[in-house]
N, C-alpha and C. Protein backbone atom coordinates (compact mmCIF):
# COMPACT_ATOMS: atom_id res chain seq x y z
N UNK A 1 220.72 232.42 -154.61
CA UNK A 1 221.41 233.62 -154.23
C UNK A 1 220.98 234.77 -155.15
N UNK A 2 220.78 235.92 -154.57
CA UNK A 2 220.46 237.13 -155.32
C UNK A 2 221.57 238.14 -155.07
N UNK A 3 222.12 238.68 -156.14
CA UNK A 3 223.10 239.76 -156.03
C UNK A 3 222.39 241.05 -156.43
N UNK A 4 222.31 241.95 -155.48
CA UNK A 4 221.68 243.26 -155.67
C UNK A 4 222.78 244.26 -155.97
N UNK A 5 222.68 244.95 -157.11
CA UNK A 5 223.66 245.95 -157.47
C UNK A 5 222.97 247.24 -157.88
N UNK A 6 223.65 248.33 -157.65
CA UNK A 6 223.16 249.63 -158.10
C UNK A 6 224.38 250.48 -158.44
N UNK A 7 224.33 251.13 -159.60
CA UNK A 7 225.34 252.12 -159.96
C UNK A 7 224.66 253.48 -159.90
N UNK A 8 225.43 254.50 -159.48
CA UNK A 8 224.78 255.79 -159.25
C UNK A 8 225.79 256.93 -159.29
N UNK A 9 225.26 258.12 -159.43
CA UNK A 9 226.03 259.35 -159.30
C UNK A 9 225.30 260.22 -158.29
N UNK A 10 226.09 260.93 -157.51
CA UNK A 10 225.54 261.82 -156.49
C UNK A 10 225.44 263.24 -157.01
N UNK A 11 224.61 264.03 -156.35
CA UNK A 11 224.48 265.45 -156.66
C UNK A 11 225.68 266.24 -156.13
N UNK A 12 226.45 265.65 -155.25
CA UNK A 12 227.58 266.32 -154.61
C UNK A 12 228.81 266.38 -155.53
N UNK A 13 229.64 267.35 -155.27
CA UNK A 13 230.89 267.48 -156.02
C UNK A 13 231.81 266.30 -155.72
N UNK A 14 232.52 265.79 -156.73
CA UNK A 14 233.46 264.70 -156.50
C UNK A 14 234.49 265.06 -155.43
N UNK A 15 234.69 264.14 -154.49
CA UNK A 15 235.66 264.33 -153.43
C UNK A 15 235.21 265.22 -152.29
N UNK A 16 233.98 265.69 -152.35
CA UNK A 16 233.48 266.62 -151.33
C UNK A 16 233.19 265.91 -150.01
N UNK A 17 233.09 266.70 -148.96
CA UNK A 17 232.71 266.16 -147.65
C UNK A 17 231.34 265.50 -147.71
N UNK A 18 230.43 266.08 -148.48
CA UNK A 18 229.09 265.52 -148.61
C UNK A 18 229.12 264.15 -149.29
N UNK A 19 229.96 264.02 -150.30
CA UNK A 19 230.10 262.74 -150.99
C UNK A 19 230.64 261.69 -150.02
N UNK A 20 231.68 262.01 -149.29
CA UNK A 20 232.26 261.06 -148.33
C UNK A 20 231.27 260.71 -147.23
N UNK A 21 230.51 261.70 -146.77
CA UNK A 21 229.51 261.44 -145.72
C UNK A 21 228.43 260.51 -146.22
N UNK A 22 227.97 260.69 -147.45
CA UNK A 22 226.95 259.82 -148.01
C UNK A 22 227.44 258.37 -148.05
N UNK A 23 228.64 258.16 -148.56
CA UNK A 23 229.19 256.80 -148.66
C UNK A 23 229.38 256.18 -147.29
N UNK A 24 229.90 256.94 -146.34
CA UNK A 24 230.07 256.45 -144.97
C UNK A 24 228.72 256.08 -144.35
N UNK A 25 227.75 256.96 -144.48
CA UNK A 25 226.44 256.73 -143.88
C UNK A 25 225.71 255.58 -144.56
N UNK A 26 225.91 255.41 -145.85
CA UNK A 26 225.29 254.28 -146.55
C UNK A 26 225.83 252.96 -146.01
N UNK A 27 227.14 252.89 -145.86
CA UNK A 27 227.75 251.66 -145.32
C UNK A 27 227.20 251.38 -143.92
N UNK A 28 227.17 252.39 -143.08
CA UNK A 28 226.69 252.20 -141.71
C UNK A 28 225.22 251.77 -141.67
N UNK A 29 224.41 252.33 -142.55
CA UNK A 29 222.98 252.03 -142.54
C UNK A 29 222.66 250.67 -143.16
N UNK A 30 223.35 250.29 -144.21
CA UNK A 30 222.94 249.14 -145.02
C UNK A 30 223.69 247.85 -144.73
N UNK A 31 224.97 247.94 -144.46
CA UNK A 31 225.81 246.74 -144.36
C UNK A 31 225.38 245.80 -143.24
N UNK A 32 224.88 246.33 -142.14
CA UNK A 32 224.55 245.48 -140.99
C UNK A 32 223.08 245.05 -140.95
N UNK A 33 222.33 245.35 -141.99
CA UNK A 33 220.94 244.89 -142.03
C UNK A 33 220.96 243.37 -142.16
N UNK A 34 220.15 242.67 -141.36
CA UNK A 34 220.13 241.21 -141.43
C UNK A 34 219.89 240.70 -142.86
N UNK A 35 220.68 239.71 -143.25
CA UNK A 35 220.55 239.12 -144.57
C UNK A 35 221.53 239.66 -145.59
N UNK A 36 222.11 240.83 -145.34
CA UNK A 36 223.07 241.43 -146.28
C UNK A 36 224.40 240.70 -146.17
N UNK A 37 224.91 240.23 -147.29
CA UNK A 37 226.21 239.59 -147.35
C UNK A 37 227.07 240.22 -148.42
N UNK A 38 228.36 240.15 -148.25
CA UNK A 38 229.34 240.64 -149.24
C UNK A 38 229.04 242.07 -149.70
N UNK A 39 228.74 242.94 -148.76
CA UNK A 39 228.47 244.34 -149.09
C UNK A 39 229.75 245.00 -149.60
N UNK A 40 229.66 245.67 -150.74
CA UNK A 40 230.81 246.38 -151.31
C UNK A 40 230.38 247.76 -151.80
N UNK A 41 231.24 248.72 -151.58
CA UNK A 41 231.11 250.02 -152.21
C UNK A 41 232.20 250.10 -153.26
N UNK A 42 231.84 250.53 -154.46
CA UNK A 42 232.76 250.48 -155.59
C UNK A 42 232.81 251.84 -156.30
N UNK A 43 233.97 252.16 -156.82
CA UNK A 43 234.12 253.36 -157.65
C UNK A 43 234.14 252.90 -159.10
N UNK A 44 233.29 253.46 -159.91
CA UNK A 44 233.17 253.10 -161.32
C UNK A 44 234.30 253.77 -162.09
N UNK A 45 235.03 253.01 -162.90
CA UNK A 45 236.20 253.55 -163.60
C UNK A 45 236.11 253.49 -165.13
N UNK A 46 235.08 252.90 -165.66
CA UNK A 46 234.97 252.77 -167.11
C UNK A 46 234.59 254.10 -167.75
N UNK A 47 235.21 254.45 -168.88
CA UNK A 47 234.81 255.66 -169.60
C UNK A 47 233.53 255.46 -170.41
N UNK A 48 232.96 254.25 -170.36
CA UNK A 48 231.78 253.94 -171.17
C UNK A 48 230.47 254.47 -170.59
N UNK A 49 230.50 254.94 -169.34
CA UNK A 49 229.31 255.55 -168.75
C UNK A 49 229.76 256.59 -167.73
N UNK A 50 228.80 257.37 -167.26
CA UNK A 50 229.18 258.45 -166.34
C UNK A 50 228.65 258.26 -164.92
N UNK A 51 228.32 257.02 -164.55
CA UNK A 51 228.03 256.75 -163.14
C UNK A 51 229.35 256.79 -162.38
N UNK A 52 229.30 257.16 -161.08
CA UNK A 52 230.53 257.29 -160.31
C UNK A 52 230.76 256.17 -159.32
N UNK A 53 229.68 255.59 -158.78
CA UNK A 53 229.82 254.61 -157.72
C UNK A 53 228.91 253.42 -157.95
N UNK A 54 229.20 252.36 -157.21
CA UNK A 54 228.33 251.19 -157.20
C UNK A 54 228.27 250.59 -155.81
N UNK A 55 227.15 249.99 -155.50
CA UNK A 55 226.99 249.15 -154.32
C UNK A 55 226.65 247.76 -154.82
N UNK A 56 227.18 246.76 -154.15
CA UNK A 56 226.87 245.36 -154.47
C UNK A 56 226.70 244.62 -153.15
N UNK A 57 225.71 243.75 -153.11
CA UNK A 57 225.50 242.93 -151.92
C UNK A 57 224.79 241.65 -152.34
N UNK A 58 224.90 240.63 -151.50
CA UNK A 58 224.28 239.34 -151.81
C UNK A 58 223.30 238.94 -150.72
N UNK A 59 222.27 238.22 -151.16
CA UNK A 59 221.24 237.68 -150.26
C UNK A 59 221.08 236.19 -150.56
N UNK A 60 220.86 235.43 -149.53
CA UNK A 60 220.77 233.98 -149.70
C UNK A 60 219.57 233.56 -150.52
N UNK A 61 218.48 234.33 -150.45
CA UNK A 61 217.26 233.98 -151.17
C UNK A 61 216.34 235.19 -151.26
N UNK A 62 215.20 235.01 -151.90
CA UNK A 62 214.25 236.10 -152.09
C UNK A 62 213.72 236.64 -150.77
N UNK A 63 213.51 235.77 -149.80
CA UNK A 63 213.00 236.21 -148.50
C UNK A 63 214.00 237.15 -147.81
N UNK A 64 215.29 236.85 -147.90
CA UNK A 64 216.30 237.72 -147.30
C UNK A 64 216.32 239.07 -148.02
N UNK A 65 216.20 239.05 -149.33
CA UNK A 65 216.18 240.28 -150.11
C UNK A 65 214.94 241.12 -149.78
N UNK A 66 213.80 240.47 -149.68
CA UNK A 66 212.57 241.17 -149.32
C UNK A 66 212.68 241.79 -147.93
N UNK A 67 213.30 241.05 -147.00
CA UNK A 67 213.50 241.57 -145.66
C UNK A 67 214.36 242.83 -145.66
N UNK A 68 215.38 242.83 -146.47
CA UNK A 68 216.25 244.01 -146.61
C UNK A 68 215.45 245.19 -147.14
N UNK A 69 214.69 244.97 -148.20
CA UNK A 69 213.94 246.06 -148.81
C UNK A 69 212.94 246.69 -147.84
N UNK A 70 212.39 245.90 -146.94
CA UNK A 70 211.39 246.40 -145.99
C UNK A 70 211.99 246.84 -144.66
N UNK A 71 213.27 246.58 -144.46
CA UNK A 71 213.88 246.88 -143.17
C UNK A 71 213.83 248.39 -142.91
N UNK A 72 213.48 248.81 -141.68
CA UNK A 72 213.35 250.24 -141.38
C UNK A 72 214.60 251.07 -141.68
N UNK A 73 215.79 250.53 -141.49
CA UNK A 73 217.00 251.31 -141.79
C UNK A 73 217.13 251.56 -143.29
N UNK A 74 216.80 250.54 -144.10
CA UNK A 74 216.86 250.70 -145.55
C UNK A 74 215.82 251.73 -146.00
N UNK A 75 214.61 251.58 -145.54
CA UNK A 75 213.53 252.49 -145.91
C UNK A 75 213.89 253.93 -145.53
N UNK A 76 214.41 254.12 -144.33
CA UNK A 76 214.79 255.45 -143.86
C UNK A 76 215.93 256.02 -144.70
N UNK A 77 216.95 255.21 -144.99
CA UNK A 77 218.08 255.69 -145.79
C UNK A 77 217.61 256.12 -147.18
N UNK A 78 216.77 255.32 -147.80
CA UNK A 78 216.26 255.67 -149.13
C UNK A 78 215.49 256.98 -149.07
N UNK A 79 214.60 257.10 -148.11
CA UNK A 79 213.74 258.29 -148.01
C UNK A 79 214.54 259.55 -147.67
N UNK A 80 215.44 259.44 -146.69
CA UNK A 80 216.12 260.63 -146.18
C UNK A 80 217.41 260.98 -146.90
N UNK A 81 218.06 260.03 -147.53
CA UNK A 81 219.35 260.30 -148.16
C UNK A 81 219.33 260.01 -149.66
N UNK A 82 218.99 258.78 -150.03
CA UNK A 82 219.08 258.37 -151.44
C UNK A 82 218.24 259.28 -152.33
N UNK A 83 216.98 259.46 -152.00
CA UNK A 83 216.08 260.25 -152.85
C UNK A 83 216.52 261.70 -152.95
N UNK A 84 217.20 262.22 -151.95
CA UNK A 84 217.62 263.62 -151.93
C UNK A 84 218.99 263.85 -152.54
N UNK A 85 219.89 262.86 -152.46
CA UNK A 85 221.29 263.09 -152.81
C UNK A 85 221.77 262.38 -154.07
N UNK A 86 221.01 261.42 -154.57
CA UNK A 86 221.42 260.68 -155.76
C UNK A 86 220.84 261.36 -157.00
N UNK A 87 221.72 261.68 -157.93
CA UNK A 87 221.32 262.35 -159.17
C UNK A 87 220.68 261.38 -160.15
N UNK A 88 221.26 260.18 -160.25
CA UNK A 88 220.73 259.15 -161.16
C UNK A 88 221.29 257.81 -160.74
N UNK A 89 220.56 256.74 -161.12
CA UNK A 89 221.01 255.40 -160.76
C UNK A 89 220.41 254.36 -161.68
N UNK A 90 221.02 253.19 -161.65
CA UNK A 90 220.54 252.02 -162.36
C UNK A 90 220.69 250.84 -161.43
N UNK A 91 219.60 250.17 -161.15
CA UNK A 91 219.61 249.02 -160.23
C UNK A 91 219.44 247.74 -161.04
N UNK A 92 220.27 246.75 -160.73
CA UNK A 92 220.17 245.44 -161.39
C UNK A 92 220.32 244.37 -160.32
N UNK A 93 219.41 243.42 -160.33
CA UNK A 93 219.45 242.29 -159.41
C UNK A 93 219.62 241.01 -160.23
N UNK A 94 220.53 240.17 -159.76
CA UNK A 94 220.88 238.96 -160.51
C UNK A 94 220.63 237.71 -159.68
N UNK A 95 220.29 236.63 -160.37
CA UNK A 95 220.35 235.28 -159.81
C UNK A 95 221.34 234.50 -160.64
N UNK A 96 222.11 233.65 -160.01
CA UNK A 96 223.08 232.83 -160.72
C UNK A 96 222.35 231.83 -161.61
N UNK A 97 222.92 231.55 -162.76
CA UNK A 97 222.35 230.55 -163.69
C UNK A 97 222.84 229.16 -163.33
């Protein structure tokens, strides 16, 4: 199993229509891609960093994760939304020990 996580902050003002639209559109674009399991959108609450949100999802194996990365909806979302609207991010992918 691979758990794909990313923490990020948007260029949009907190609570703005643009922020809500980004989160809504991300869920619609990414959650239903084949192989995606346990998709979660998270609000970061720790004062130890200044990221605002997180996404977490699980894949059964490397092939499922690779399929997600190459899927046209993922590629389009990254190109048209993520690259334009995300101010900064940190991506971490885990395998269980």
